[in-house]
C-alpha atoms as a PDB file:
ATOM      1  CA  MET A   1       0.000   0.000   0.000  1.00  0.00           C
ATOM      2  CA  PRO A   2       1.527   3.336  -1.018  1.00  0.00           C
ATOM      3  CA  LYS A   3       2.410   5.768   1.727  1.00  0.00           C
ATOM      4  CA  LYS A   4      -0.071   8.643   2.010  1.00  0.00           C
ATOM      5  CA  SER A   5       1.502  12.048   1.850  1.00  0.00           C
ATOM      6  CA  ASN A   6       0.286  14.633   4.292  1.00  0.00           C
ATOM      7  CA  ILE A   7      -0.981  17.534   2.252  1.00  0.00           C
ATOM      8  CA  ASN A   8      -0.881  20.981   3.775  1.00  0.00           C
ATOM      9  CA  PHE A   9      -4.259  22.091   2.469  1.00  0.00           C
ATOM     10  CA  GLU A  10      -3.810  25.788   3.221  1.00  0.00           C
ATOM     11  CA  LYS A  11      -0.385  25.949   1.572  1.00  0.00           C
ATOM     12  CA  THR A  12      -1.558  23.981  -1.459  1.00  0.00           C
ATOM     13  CA  PHE A  13      -4.684  26.124  -1.832  1.00  0.00           C
ATOM     14  CA  ALA A  14      -2.618  29.326  -1.552  1.00  0.00           C
ATOM     15  CA  GLU A  15      -0.301  28.103  -4.326  1.00  0.00           C
ATOM     16  CA  LEU A  16      -3.339  27.288  -6.453  1.00  0.00           C
ATOM     17  CA  GLU A  17      -4.710  30.807  -5.916  1.00  0.00           C
ATOM     18  CA  ASP A  18      -1.345  32.290  -6.947  1.00  0.00           C
ATOM     19  CA  LEU A  19      -1.356  30.238 -10.147  1.00  0.00           C
ATOM     20  CA  VAL A  20      -4.891  31.322 -10.996  1.00  0.00           C
ATOM     21  CA  ASN A  21      -3.926  34.968 -10.465  1.00  0.00           C
ATOM     22  CA  LYS A  22      -0.860  34.593 -12.719  1.00  0.00           C
ATOM     23  CA  ILE A  23      -2.929  33.022 -15.481  1.00  0.00           C
ATOM     24  CA  GLU A  24      -5.692  35.629 -15.167  1.00  0.00           C
ATOM     25  CA  GLU A  25      -3.179  38.488 -15.477  1.00  0.00           C
ATOM     26  CA  GLY A  26      -2.501  37.292 -19.018  1.00  0.00           C
ATOM     27  CA  ASP A  27       1.214  38.144 -18.995  1.00  0.00           C
ATOM     28  CA  LEU A  28       2.370  34.526 -19.386  1.00  0.00           C
ATOM     29  CA  SER A  29       3.338  32.875 -22.632  1.00  0.00           C
ATOM     30  CA  LEU A  30       1.191  30.023 -23.860  1.00  0.00           C
ATOM     31  CA  GLU A  31       3.808  27.522 -22.678  1.00  0.00           C
ATOM     32  CA  GLU A  32       3.999  29.122 -19.212  1.00  0.00           C
ATOM     33  CA  SER A  33       0.207  29.209 -19.006  1.00  0.00           C
ATOM     34  CA  LEU A  34       0.003  25.520 -19.851  1.00  0.00           C
ATOM     35  CA  LYS A  35       2.601  24.679 -17.201  1.00  0.00           C
ATOM     36  CA  CYS A  36       0.658  26.700 -14.628  1.00  0.00           C
ATOM     37  CA  PHE A  37      -2.566  25.016 -15.691  1.00  0.00           C
ATOM     38  CA  GLU A  38      -1.011  21.572 -15.390  1.00  0.00           C
ATOM     39  CA  ARG A  39       0.355  22.410 -11.931  1.00  0.00           C
ATOM     40  CA  GLY A  40      -3.029  23.832 -10.970  1.00  0.00           C
ATOM     41  CA  MET A  41      -4.780  20.620 -11.955  1.00  0.00           C
ATOM     42  CA  LEU A  42      -2.410  18.633  -9.736  1.00  0.00           C
ATOM     43  CA  LEU A  43      -2.938  21.042  -6.836  1.00  0.00           C
ATOM     44  CA  THR A  44      -6.707  20.833  -7.306  1.00  0.00           C
ATOM     45  CA  LYS A  45      -6.543  17.059  -7.156  1.00  0.00           C
ATOM     46  CA  ASN A  46      -4.455  17.239  -3.974  1.00  0.00           C
ATOM     47  CA  CYS A  47      -6.895  19.678  -2.351  1.00  0.00           C
ATOM     48  CA  GLN A  48      -9.855  17.485  -3.266  1.00  0.00           C
ATOM     49  CA  GLN A  49      -8.071  14.465  -1.800  1.00  0.00           C
ATOM     50  CA  ALA A  50      -7.293  16.324   1.435  1.00  0.00           C
ATOM     51  CA  LEU A  51     -10.914  17.488   1.736  1.00  0.00           C
ATOM     52  CA  SER A  52     -12.202  13.984   1.062  1.00  0.00           C
ATOM     53  CA  GLU A  53      -9.926  12.538   3.748  1.00  0.00           C
ATOM     54  CA  ALA A  54     -11.022  15.202   6.221  1.00  0.00           C
ATOM     55  CA  GLU A  55     -14.688  14.517   5.428  1.00  0.00           C
ATOM     56  CA  GLN A  56     -14.145  10.790   6.007  1.00  0.00           C
ATOM     57  CA  LYS A  57     -12.510  11.493   9.383  1.00  0.00           C
ATOM     58  CA  VAL A  58     -15.444  13.702  10.397  1.00  0.00           C
ATOM     59  CA  LYS A  59     -17.916  10.967   9.426  1.00  0.00           C
ATOM     60  CA  ILE A  60     -15.998   8.407  11.490  1.00  0.00           C
ATOM     61  CA  LEU A  61     -15.866  10.730  14.491  1.00  0.00           C
ATOM     62  CA  LEU A  62     -19.582  11.484  14.228  1.00  0.00           C
ATOM     63  CA  GLU A  63     -20.418   7.787  13.988  1.00  0.00           C
ATOM     64  CA  LYS A  64     -18.262   7.012  17.027  1.00  0.00           C
ATOM     65  CA  ASN A  65     -19.858   9.860  18.941  1.00  0.00           C
ATOM     66  CA  ASN A  66     -23.383   8.764  18.005  1.00  0.00           C
ATOM     67  CA  ASN A  67     -22.682   5.147  18.958  1.00  0.00           C
ATOM     68  CA  SER A  68     -21.119   6.230  22.237  1.00  0.00           C
ATOM     69  CA  SER A  69     -24.062   8.508  23.011  1.00  0.00           C
ATOM     70  CA  LEU A  70     -26.529   5.711  22.305  1.00  0.00           C
ATOM     71  CA  LYS A  71     -24.665   3.307  24.599  1.00  0.00           C
ATOM     72  CA  ASN A  72     -24.585   5.893  27.375  1.00  0.00           C
ATOM     73  CA  PHE A  73     -28.285   6.572  26.898  1.00  0.00           C
ATOM     74  CA  ASP A  74     -29.144   2.853  26.981  1.00  0.00           C
ATOM     75  CA  SER A  75     -27.136   2.181  30.113  1.00  0.00           C
ATOM     76  CA  SER A  76     -28.561   5.194  31.943  1.00  0.00           C
ATOM     77  CA  ASN A  77     -32.121   3.984  31.239  1.00  0.00           C
ATOM     78  CA  ASN A  78     -31.435   0.564  32.771  1.00  0.00           C
ATOM     79  CA  ASP A  79     -31.054   1.979  36.268  1.00  0.00           C
END
């Protein structure tokens, strides 16, 4: 199983914003624009992956919390 890299979402997103700004300024050559676009696509993929992983962690935590709350509720009603 490949090792997961820890993505710094904020840093990656900031780099993506910088690339978008550079492209929107229109001062880049076609080749430079394509390189920025390619890098931007990779950064977008990384951000989406980081968000997906965070969402999965939240779901797991919510499920654990709900199950724990239900157990506590059940045991308190048995008294």
